[in-house]
Amino acid sequence: MSQLFPKLPLDEWIEVIVDGLDEHLGFVFDLISAAIGGTVDLFNAILTGLPFWLVIILFVLIAYRAGKWTMALFTFIGLLLIQNLGYWEHSMETLALVLTAALISVVIGIPMGIWCAKNESVQKVVTPLLDFMQTMPAFVYLIPAIFFFGLGKVPGVIASVIFAMPPTIRLTNLGIRQVPADLIEASDAFGSTYWQKLTKVQLPIAKTTMMAGINQSIMLALSMVVIASMIGAKGLGADVYRAVTQINIGQGFEAGLAIVIMAILLDRITQGVGKRKNV
């Protein structure tokens, strides 16, 4: 079927843009790669350097603090099962990738969400970008990540950040906007500065909504880190990918179970932190 108009060379335009970025901003990508790689290595060194039993105790305490004793018990049994199955080191590698991606998402996403809440023009520009980031197939993000950062953990984290950041921005924006107007007026009446109003009134009230966004970003980062195993990211995703290519059902189930445990653990802890009342 013939086209009514000639095909737009969109693919060629994108390649020209990407080549130009790589040529003129290559040093910036090198700095980003070094920073992200160093952060992942730091988390990984801490998690794998400590004895497994000490890491389990720390997570049990965090789970108990964030939730109830039932969550602490699940954390203890789940992490002990991961260690027993032989996936402890790979689980910690996955956790290091997720923590790095979540940290970057929060550091960028929360200020961006606050900016959107304070400026309608910014929100009108950012919202379509967030729609694009959330609807684009996750595998597509691997292509530019590989081009700019090569293979390994760094492009996996970059792709995870792009895929996981939108919920943090959206729900931070929503949480700030949902702060009652009378509280804002009261803080203005008492002569609060912009920073005091933000940190003492808006952010504490929006905390629950913001933590829901961070929770979703962590879950999306975990799912994307698994996909990123296709480009050399280590961890449980590599075990799942290997099991799929070798049609090893048992190994795939074990690695998948470890991922489920990690996902539930991270989900419940962040939910618990979000539900805790400010003191």
C-alpha atoms as a PDB file:
ATOM      1  CA  MET A   1       0.000   0.000   0.000  1.00  0.00           C
ATOM      2  CA  SER A   2       1.540   3.280  -1.126  1.00  0.00           C
ATOM      3  CA  GLN A   3       1.872   6.149   1.320  1.00  0.00           C
ATOM      4  CA  LEU A   4       0.109   9.445   0.789  1.00  0.00           C
ATOM      5  CA  PHE A   5       3.184  11.383   1.890  1.00  0.00           C
ATOM      6  CA  PRO A   6       6.883  10.445   1.871  1.00  0.00           C
ATOM      7  CA  LYS A   7       8.071   8.758   5.048  1.00  0.00           C
ATOM      8  CA  LEU A   8       9.603  11.121   7.575  1.00  0.00           C
ATOM      9  CA  PRO A   9      13.253  10.153   8.151  1.00  0.00           C
ATOM     10  CA  LEU A  10      12.668  10.124  11.912  1.00  0.00           C
ATOM     11  CA  ASP A  11      15.084   7.252  12.467  1.00  0.00           C
ATOM     12  CA  GLU A  12      17.850   9.168  10.660  1.00  0.00           C
ATOM     13  CA  TRP A  13      17.162  12.317  12.678  1.00  0.00           C
ATOM     14  CA  ILE A  14      17.394  10.398  15.942  1.00  0.00           C
ATOM     15  CA  GLU A  15      20.680   8.801  14.889  1.00  0.00           C
ATOM     16  CA  VAL A  16      22.118  12.203  13.969  1.00  0.00           C
ATOM     17  CA  ILE A  17      21.114  13.611  17.368  1.00  0.00           C
ATOM     18  CA  VAL A  18      22.557  10.631  19.222  1.00  0.00           C
ATOM     19  CA  ASP A  19      25.814  10.783  17.267  1.00  0.00           C
ATOM     20  CA  GLY A  20      26.100  14.499  17.970  1.00  0.00           C
ATOM     21  CA  LEU A  21      25.548  13.992  21.687  1.00  0.00           C
ATOM     22  CA  ASP A  22      28.137  11.237  21.798  1.00  0.00           C
ATOM     23  CA  GLU A  23      30.666  13.370  19.900  1.00  0.00           C
ATOM     24  CA  HIS A  24      30.287  16.611  21.843  1.00  0.00           C
ATOM     25  CA  LEU A  25      29.229  15.383  25.305  1.00  0.00           C
ATOM     26  CA  GLY A  26      31.221  12.181  25.564  1.00  0.00           C
ATOM     27  CA  PHE A  27      33.139  13.463  28.615  1.00  0.00           C
ATOM     28  CA  VAL A  28      29.838  14.105  30.414  1.00  0.00           C
ATOM     29  CA  PHE A  29      28.722  10.530  29.817  1.00  0.00           C
ATOM     30  CA  ASP A  30      32.089   9.333  31.116  1.00  0.00           C
ATOM     31  CA  LEU A  31      31.602  11.306  34.337  1.00  0.00           C
ATOM     32  CA  ILE A  32      28.060   9.986  34.744  1.00  0.00           C
ATOM     33  CA  SER A  33      29.285   6.447  34.133  1.00  0.00           C
ATOM     34  CA  ALA A  34      32.020   6.809  36.731  1.00  0.00           C
ATOM     35  CA  ALA A  35      29.632   8.253  39.333  1.00  0.00           C
ATOM     36  CA  ILE A  36      26.950   5.600  38.812  1.00  0.00           C
ATOM     37  CA  GLY A  37      29.458   2.765  38.619  1.00  0.00           C
ATOM     38  CA  GLY A  38      31.115   3.967  41.823  1.00  0.00           C
ATOM     39  CA  THR A  39      27.771   4.158  43.644  1.00  0.00           C
ATOM     40  CA  VAL A  40      26.786   0.644  42.576  1.00  0.00           C
ATOM     41  CA  ASP A  41      30.187  -0.684  43.613  1.00  0.00           C
ATOM     42  CA  LEU A  42      29.893   1.040  46.995  1.00  0.00           C
ATOM     43  CA  PHE A  43      26.470  -0.444  47.730  1.00  0.00           C
ATOM     44  CA  ASN A  44      27.632  -3.828  46.478  1.00  0.00           C
ATOM     45  CA  ALA A  45      30.792  -3.732  48.608  1.00  0.00           C
ATOM     46  CA  ILE A  46      28.771  -2.933  51.720  1.00  0.00           C
ATOM     47  CA  LEU A  47      26.074  -5.549  51.123  1.00  0.00           C
ATOM     48  CA  THR A  48      28.415  -8.351  50.097  1.00  0.00           C
ATOM     49  CA  GLY A  49      31.293  -7.380  52.393  1.00  0.00           C
ATOM     50  CA  LEU A  50      29.271  -7.727  55.588  1.00  0.00           C
ATOM     51  CA  PRO A  51      28.444 -11.227  56.895  1.00  0.00           C
ATOM     52  CA  PHE A  52      25.089 -12.400  55.550  1.00  0.00           C
ATOM     53  CA  TRP A  53      23.693 -12.879  59.056  1.00  0.00           C
ATOM     54  CA  LEU A  54      24.496  -9.275  59.954  1.00  0.00           C
ATOM     55  CA  VAL A  55      22.755  -7.994  56.804  1.00  0.00           C
ATOM     56  CA  ILE A  56      19.726 -10.150  57.646  1.00  0.00           C
ATOM     57  CA  ILE A  57      19.609  -8.734  61.188  1.00  0.00           C
ATOM     58  CA  LEU A  58      19.817  -5.166  59.839  1.00  0.00           C
ATOM     59  CA  PHE A  59      16.981  -5.757  57.394  1.00  0.00           C
ATOM     60  CA  VAL A  60      14.881  -7.437  60.089  1.00  0.00           C
ATOM     61  CA  LEU A  61      15.328  -4.377  62.315  1.00  0.00           C
ATOM     62  CA  ILE A  62      14.422  -2.046  59.437  1.00  0.00           C
ATOM     63  CA  ALA A  63      11.353  -4.142  58.618  1.00  0.00           C
ATOM     64  CA  TYR A  64      10.268  -4.166  62.265  1.00  0.00           C
ATOM     65  CA  ARG A  65      10.748  -0.422  62.505  1.00  0.00           C
ATOM     66  CA  ALA A  66       8.829   0.200  59.272  1.00  0.00           C
ATOM     67  CA  GLY A  67       6.047  -2.319  59.868  1.00  0.00           C
ATOM     68  CA  LYS A  68       5.064  -4.991  62.335  1.00  0.00           C
ATOM     69  CA  TRP A  69       6.673  -8.121  63.724  1.00  0.00           C
ATOM     70  CA  THR A  70       5.025 -10.174  60.947  1.00  0.00           C
ATOM     71  CA  MET A  71       6.993  -8.209  58.350  1.00  0.00           C
ATOM     72  CA  ALA A  72      10.171  -8.697  60.356  1.00  0.00           C
ATOM     73  CA  LEU A  73       9.488 -12.444  60.487  1.00  0.00           C
ATOM     74  CA  PHE A  74       8.898 -12.575  56.720  1.00  0.00           C
ATOM     75  CA  THR A  75      12.136 -10.663  56.166  1.00  0.00           C
ATOM     76  CA  PHE A  76      14.084 -13.103  58.324  1.00  0.00           C
ATOM     77  CA  ILE A  77      12.637 -16.211  56.663  1.00  0.00           C
ATOM     78  CA  GLY A  78      12.828 -14.765  53.134  1.00  0.00           C
ATOM     79  CA  LEU A  79      16.438 -13.619  53.313  1.00  0.00           C
ATOM     80  CA  LEU A  80      17.461 -16.845  55.033  1.00  0.00           C
ATOM     81  CA  LEU A  81      15.830 -18.784  52.187  1.00  0.00           C
ATOM     82  CA  ILE A  82      17.702 -16.713  49.598  1.00  0.00           C
ATOM     83  CA  GLN A  83      20.984 -17.476  51.347  1.00  0.00           C
ATOM     84  CA  ASN A  84      20.118 -21.172  51.605  1.00  0.00           C
ATOM     85  CA  LEU A  85      19.348 -21.401  47.878  1.00  0.00           C
ATOM     86  CA  GLY A  86      22.730 -19.894  47.028  1.00  0.00           C
ATOM     87  CA  TYR A  87      21.485 -16.590  45.587  1.00  0.00           C
ATOM     88  CA  TRP A  88      22.709 -14.299  48.355  1.00  0.00           C
ATOM     89  CA  GLU A  89      25.527 -12.609  46.452  1.00  0.00           C
ATOM     90  CA  HIS A  90      23.448 -12.159  43.302  1.00  0.00           C
ATOM     91  CA  SER A  91      20.553 -10.808  45.374  1.00  0.00           C
ATOM     92  CA  MET A  92      22.839  -8.230  46.938  1.00  0.00           C
ATOM     93  CA  GLU A  93      24.121  -7.256  43.483  1.00  0.00           C
ATOM     94  CA  THR A  94      20.521  -6.757  42.352  1.00  0.00           C
ATOM     95  CA  LEU A  95      19.761  -4.763  45.495  1.00  0.00           C
ATOM     96  CA  ALA A  96      22.792  -2.541  44.850  1.00  0.00           C
ATOM     97  CA  LEU A  97      21.514  -1.782  41.332  1.00  0.00           C
ATOM     98  CA  VAL A  98      17.980  -1.094  42.600  1.00  0.00           C
ATOM     99  CA  LEU A  99      19.180   1.149  45.421  1.00  0.00           C
ATOM    100  CA  THR A 100      21.331   3.160  43.016  1.00  0.00           C
ATOM    101  CA  ALA A 101      18.483   3.571  40.518  1.00  0.00           C
ATOM    102  CA  ALA A 102      16.040   4.457  43.311  1.00  0.00           C
ATOM    103  CA  LEU A 103      18.477   6.970  44.823  1.00  0.00           C
ATOM    104  CA  ILE A 104      18.936   8.753  41.489  1.00  0.00           C
ATOM    105  CA  SER A 105      15.172   8.690  40.863  1.00  0.00           C
ATOM    106  CA  VAL A 106      14.511  10.288  44.252  1.00  0.00           C
ATOM    107  CA  VAL A 107      17.302  12.882  43.995  1.00  0.00           C
ATOM    108  CA  ILE A 108      16.005  14.018  40.589  1.00  0.00           C
ATOM    109  CA  GLY A 109      12.318  13.157  40.922  1.00  0.00           C
ATOM    110  CA  ILE A 110      11.410  14.917  44.174  1.00  0.00           C
ATOM    111  CA  PRO A 111      12.835  18.349  43.224  1.00  0.00           C
ATOM    112  CA  MET A 112      11.267  17.987  39.780  1.00  0.00           C
ATOM    113  CA  GLY A 113       7.907  17.119  41.340  1.00  0.00           C
ATOM    114  CA  ILE A 114       8.120  20.125  43.668  1.00  0.00           C
ATOM    115  CA  TRP A 115       8.992  22.358  40.714  1.00  0.00           C
ATOM    116  CA  CYS A 116       5.980  21.035  38.790  1.00  0.00           C
ATOM    117  CA  ALA A 117       3.728  21.709  41.776  1.00  0.00           C
ATOM    118  CA  LYS A 118       4.985  25.284  42.041  1.00  0.00           C
ATOM    119  CA  ASN A 119       4.994  26.153  38.341  1.00  0.00           C
ATOM    120  CA  GLU A 120       2.143  25.355  35.946  1.00  0.00           C
ATOM    121  CA  SER A 121       4.296  25.985  32.879  1.00  0.00           C
ATOM    122  CA  VAL A 122       6.855  23.434  34.041  1.00  0.00           C
ATOM    123  CA  GLN A 123       4.118  20.893  34.694  1.00  0.00           C
ATOM    124  CA  LYS A 124       2.704  21.348  31.186  1.00  0.00           C
ATOM    125  CA  VAL A 125       6.137  20.605  29.710  1.00  0.00           C
ATOM    126  CA  VAL A 126       7.081  17.748  32.040  1.00  0.00           C
ATOM    127  CA  THR A 127       3.770  15.834  31.951  1.00  0.00           C
ATOM    128  CA  PRO A 128       4.024  14.806  28.256  1.00  0.00           C
ATOM    129  CA  LEU A 129       7.636  13.738  28.863  1.00  0.00           C
ATOM    130  CA  LEU A 130       6.507  11.549  31.755  1.00  0.00           C
ATOM    131  CA  ASP A 131       3.774  10.052  29.565  1.00  0.00           C
ATOM    132  CA  PHE A 132       6.418   9.242  26.957  1.00  0.00           C
ATOM    133  CA  MET A 133       8.767   7.721  29.546  1.00  0.00           C
ATOM    134  CA  GLN A 134       6.033   5.491  30.986  1.00  0.00           C
ATOM    135  CA  THR A 135       4.520   4.288  27.710  1.00  0.00           C
ATOM    136  CA  MET A 136       7.707   3.582  25.768  1.00  0.00           C
ATOM    137  CA  PRO A 137       8.519  -0.174  25.877  1.00  0.00           C
ATOM    138  CA  ALA A 138      11.153  -0.866  28.508  1.00  0.00           C
ATOM    139  CA  PHE A 139      13.449  -2.676  26.068  1.00  0.00           C
ATOM    140  CA  VAL A 140      13.784   0.476  23.946  1.00  0.00           C
ATOM    141  CA  TYR A 141      15.650   2.252  26.759  1.00  0.00           C
ATOM    142  CA  LEU A 142      18.405  -0.333  26.536  1.00  0.00           C
ATOM    143  CA  ILE A 143      19.432   0.836  23.048  1.00  0.00           C
ATOM    144  CA  PRO A 144      20.591   4.419  23.845  1.00  0.00           C
ATOM    145  CA  ALA A 145      21.940   3.233  27.210  1.00  0.00           C
ATOM    146  CA  ILE A 146      24.200   0.751  25.432  1.00  0.00           C
ATOM    147  CA  PHE A 147      25.278   3.355  22.866  1.00  0.00           C
ATOM    148  CA  PHE A 148      26.305   5.973  25.433  1.00  0.00           C
ATOM    149  CA  PHE A 149      27.512   3.763  28.291  1.00  0.00           C
ATOM    150  CA  GLY A 150      28.406   0.386  26.748  1.00  0.00           C
ATOM    151  CA  LEU A 151      27.500  -2.916  28.380  1.00  0.00           C
ATOM    152  CA  GLY A 152      27.298  -3.678  32.086  1.00  0.00           C
ATOM    153  CA  LYS A 153      25.705  -2.253  35.203  1.00  0.00           C
ATOM    154  CA  VAL A 154      25.801   1.456  34.297  1.00  0.00           C
ATOM    155  CA  PRO A 155      23.463   1.301  31.266  1.00  0.00           C
ATOM    156  CA  GLY A 156      21.195  -0.976  33.309  1.00  0.00           C
ATOM    157  CA  VAL A 157      20.917   1.662  36.017  1.00  0.00           C
ATOM    158  CA  ILE A 158      20.404   4.467  33.472  1.00  0.00           C
ATOM    159  CA  ALA A 159      17.579   2.564  31.758  1.00  0.00           C
ATOM    160  CA  SER A 160      16.059   1.758  35.160  1.00  0.00           C
ATOM    161  CA  VAL A 161      16.112   5.410  36.210  1.00  0.00           C
ATOM    162  CA  ILE A 162      14.370   6.575  33.018  1.00  0.00           C
ATOM    163  CA  PHE A 163      11.753   3.846  33.377  1.00  0.00           C
ATOM    164  CA  ALA A 164      11.224   4.218  37.145  1.00  0.00           C
ATOM    165  CA  MET A 165      11.412   7.969  37.779  1.00  0.00           C
ATOM    166  CA  PRO A 166       7.930   9.151  36.574  1.00  0.00           C
ATOM    167  CA  PRO A 167       5.924   7.900  39.603  1.00  0.00           C
ATOM    168  CA  THR A 168       8.156   9.843  42.003  1.00  0.00           C
ATOM    169  CA  ILE A 169       7.710  13.047  39.998  1.00  0.00           C
ATOM    170  CA  ARG A 170       3.965  12.593  39.522  1.00  0.00           C
ATOM    171  CA  LEU A 171       3.113  11.737  43.123  1.00  0.00           C
ATOM    172  CA  THR A 172       5.408  14.386  44.591  1.00  0.00           C
ATOM    173  CA  ASN A 173       3.617  16.916  42.412  1.00  0.00           C
ATOM    174  CA  LEU A 174       0.244  15.513  43.473  1.00  0.00           C
ATOM    175  CA  GLY A 175       1.143  15.428  47.167  1.00  0.00           C
ATOM    176  CA  ILE A 176       2.285  19.059  47.215  1.00  0.00           C
ATOM    177  CA  ARG A 177      -0.829  20.183  45.368  1.00  0.00           C
ATOM    178  CA  GLN A 178      -3.112  18.324  47.809  1.00  0.00           C
ATOM    179  CA  VAL A 179      -1.864  20.261  50.827  1.00  0.00           C
ATOM    180  CA  PRO A 180      -4.913  22.173  52.170  1.00  0.00           C
ATOM    181  CA  ALA A 181      -4.939  25.815  51.153  1.00  0.00           C
ATOM    182  CA  ASP A 182      -5.843  26.963  54.675  1.00  0.00           C
ATOM    183  CA  LEU A 183      -2.591  25.508  56.025  1.00  0.00           C
ATOM    184  CA  ILE A 184      -0.638  27.392  53.379  1.00  0.00           C
ATOM    185  CA  GLU A 185      -2.478  30.592  54.292  1.00  0.00           C
ATOM    186  CA  ALA A 186      -1.789  30.011  57.994  1.00  0.00           C
ATOM    187  CA  SER A 187       1.934  29.505  57.367  1.00  0.00           C
ATOM    188  CA  ASP A 188       1.999  32.685  55.284  1.00  0.00           C
ATOM    189  CA  ALA A 189       0.196  34.556  58.055  1.00  0.00           C
ATOM    190  CA  PHE A 190       2.881  33.524  60.543  1.00  0.00           C
ATOM    191  CA  GLY A 191       5.566  34.874  58.226  1.00  0.00           C
ATOM    192  CA  SER A 192       7.045  31.551  57.091  1.00  0.00           C
ATOM    193  CA  THR A 193       9.669  31.690  54.398  1.00  0.00           C
ATOM    194  CA  TYR A 194       9.353  29.623  51.221  1.00  0.00           C
ATOM    195  CA  TRP A 195      11.792  27.030  52.571  1.00  0.00           C
ATOM    196  CA  GLN A 196      10.079  26.844  55.979  1.00  0.00           C
ATOM    197  CA  LYS A 197       6.666  26.441  54.351  1.00  0.00           C
ATOM    198  CA  LEU A 198       7.985  23.679  52.102  1.00  0.00           C
ATOM    199  CA  THR A 199       9.898  21.680  54.735  1.00  0.00           C
ATOM    200  CA  LYS A 200       7.618  22.224  57.752  1.00  0.00           C
ATOM    201  CA  VAL A 201       4.182  22.129  56.127  1.00  0.00           C
ATOM    202  CA  GLN A 202       3.998  20.835  52.565  1.00  0.00           C
ATOM    203  CA  LEU A 203       6.529  17.983  52.540  1.00  0.00           C
ATOM    204  CA  PRO A 204       5.416  16.444  55.881  1.00  0.00           C
ATOM    205  CA  ILE A 205       1.765  16.476  54.793  1.00  0.00           C
ATOM    206  CA  ALA A 206       2.617  15.144  51.327  1.00  0.00           C
ATOM    207  CA  LYS A 207       4.906  12.446  52.766  1.00  0.00           C
ATOM    208  CA  THR A 208       2.452   9.548  52.367  1.00  0.00           C
ATOM    209  CA  THR A 209       1.723  10.361  48.728  1.00  0.00           C
ATOM    210  CA  MET A 210       5.409  10.932  47.972  1.00  0.00           C
ATOM    211  CA  MET A 211       6.388   7.612  49.551  1.00  0.00           C
ATOM    212  CA  ALA A 212       3.810   5.883  47.351  1.00  0.00           C
ATOM    213  CA  GLY A 213       5.612   7.332  44.340  1.00  0.00           C
ATOM    214  CA  ILE A 214       9.009   6.259  45.667  1.00  0.00           C
ATOM    215  CA  ASN A 215       7.575   2.793  46.312  1.00  0.00           C
ATOM    216  CA  GLN A 216       6.412   2.496  42.713  1.00  0.00           C
ATOM    217  CA  SER A 217       9.768   3.753  41.435  1.00  0.00           C
ATOM    218  CA  ILE A 218      11.581   1.071  43.443  1.00  0.00           C
ATOM    219  CA  MET A 219       9.301  -1.644  42.084  1.00  0.00           C
ATOM    220  CA  LEU A 220       9.773  -0.443  38.509  1.00  0.00           C
ATOM    221  CA  ALA A 221      13.529  -0.201  39.022  1.00  0.00           C
ATOM    222  CA  LEU A 222      13.581  -3.798  40.230  1.00  0.00           C
ATOM    223  CA  SER A 223      11.663  -4.995  37.187  1.00  0.00           C
ATOM    224  CA  MET A 224      13.909  -3.016  34.835  1.00  0.00           C
ATOM    225  CA  VAL A 225      17.098  -4.267  36.487  1.00  0.00           C
ATOM    226  CA  VAL A 226      15.970  -7.798  35.666  1.00  0.00           C
ATOM    227  CA  ILE A 227      15.477  -6.806  32.025  1.00  0.00           C
ATOM    228  CA  ALA A 228      18.862  -5.064  32.038  1.00  0.00           C
ATOM    229  CA  SER A 229      20.532  -8.442  32.572  1.00  0.00           C
ATOM    230  CA  MET A 230      20.289  -8.746  28.779  1.00  0.00           C
ATOM    231  CA  ILE A 231      22.980  -6.054  28.441  1.00  0.00           C
ATOM    232  CA  GLY A 232      25.359  -7.374  31.058  1.00  0.00           C
ATOM    233  CA  ALA A 233      23.895  -6.163  34.360  1.00  0.00           C
ATOM    234  CA  LYS A 234      24.663  -8.716  37.037  1.00  0.00           C
ATOM    235  CA  GLY A 235      22.409 -10.071  39.753  1.00  0.00           C
ATOM    236  CA  LEU A 236      19.296 -12.194  39.836  1.00  0.00           C
ATOM    237  CA  GLY A 237      18.253 -11.001  36.383  1.00  0.00           C
ATOM    238  CA  ALA A 238      21.265 -12.775  34.905  1.00  0.00           C
ATOM    239  CA  ASP A 239      20.187 -16.006  36.613  1.00  0.00           C
ATOM    240  CA  VAL A 240      16.668 -15.680  35.218  1.00  0.00           C
ATOM    241  CA  TYR A 241      17.972 -14.879  31.736  1.00  0.00           C
ATOM    242  CA  ARG A 242      20.345 -17.851  31.865  1.00  0.00           C
ATOM    243  CA  ALA A 243      17.537 -20.153  32.996  1.00  0.00           C
ATOM    244  CA  VAL A 244      15.325 -18.971  30.127  1.00  0.00           C
ATOM    245  CA  THR A 245      18.009 -19.482  27.480  1.00  0.00           C
ATOM    246  CA  GLN A 246      18.844 -22.934  28.870  1.00  0.00           C
ATOM    247  CA  ILE A 247      15.190 -23.852  29.584  1.00  0.00           C
ATOM    248  CA  ASN A 248      16.171 -24.615  33.173  1.00  0.00           C
ATOM    249  CA  ILE A 249      12.824 -24.496  34.975  1.00  0.00           C
ATOM    250  CA  GLY A 250      14.194 -25.215  38.445  1.00  0.00           C
ATOM    251  CA  GLN A 251      16.851 -22.514  38.347  1.00  0.00           C
ATOM    252  CA  GLY A 252      14.395 -20.052  36.870  1.00  0.00           C
ATOM    253  CA  PHE A 253      11.919 -20.732  39.691  1.00  0.00           C
ATOM    254  CA  GLU A 254      14.546 -20.292  42.384  1.00  0.00           C
ATOM    255  CA  ALA A 255      15.889 -17.029  40.936  1.00  0.00           C
ATOM    256  CA  GLY A 256      12.342 -15.791  40.364  1.00  0.00           C
ATOM    257  CA  LEU A 257      11.420 -16.623  43.962  1.00  0.00           C
ATOM    258  CA  ALA A 258      14.417 -14.623  45.187  1.00  0.00           C
ATOM    259  CA  ILE A 259      13.253 -11.649  43.100  1.00  0.00           C
ATOM    260  CA  VAL A 260       9.724 -11.943  44.532  1.00  0.00           C
ATOM    261  CA  ILE A 261      11.086 -11.965  48.082  1.00  0.00           C
ATOM    262  CA  MET A 262      13.209  -8.892  47.375  1.00  0.00           C
ATOM    263  CA  ALA A 263      10.241  -7.124  45.779  1.00  0.00           C
ATOM    264  CA  ILE A 264       7.890  -7.832  48.695  1.00  0.00           C
ATOM    265  CA  LEU A 265      10.555  -6.785  51.186  1.00  0.00           C
ATOM    266  CA  LEU A 266      11.247  -3.459  49.477  1.00  0.00           C
ATOM    267  CA  ASP A 267       7.546  -2.817  48.885  1.00  0.00           C
ATOM    268  CA  ARG A 268       6.481  -3.408  52.484  1.00  0.00           C
ATOM    269  CA  ILE A 269       9.348  -1.414  53.968  1.00  0.00           C
ATOM    270  CA  THR A 270       8.672   1.652  51.820  1.00  0.00           C
ATOM    271  CA  GLN A 271       4.932   1.357  52.469  1.00  0.00           C
ATOM    272  CA  GLY A 272       5.597   1.156  56.182  1.00  0.00           C
ATOM    273  CA  VAL A 273       7.812   4.231  56.111  1.00  0.00           C
ATOM    274  CA  GLY A 274       5.122   6.122  54.198  1.00  0.00           C
ATOM    275  CA  LYS A 275       2.405   5.213  56.714  1.00  0.00           C
ATOM    276  CA  ARG A 276       4.384   6.156  59.788  1.00  0.00           C
ATOM    277  CA  LYS A 277       3.153   9.344  61.396  1.00  0.00           C
ATOM    278  CA  ASN A 278       5.432  12.298  61.651  1.00  0.00           C
ATOM    279  CA  VAL A 279       6.769  12.919  65.122  1.00  0.00           C
END
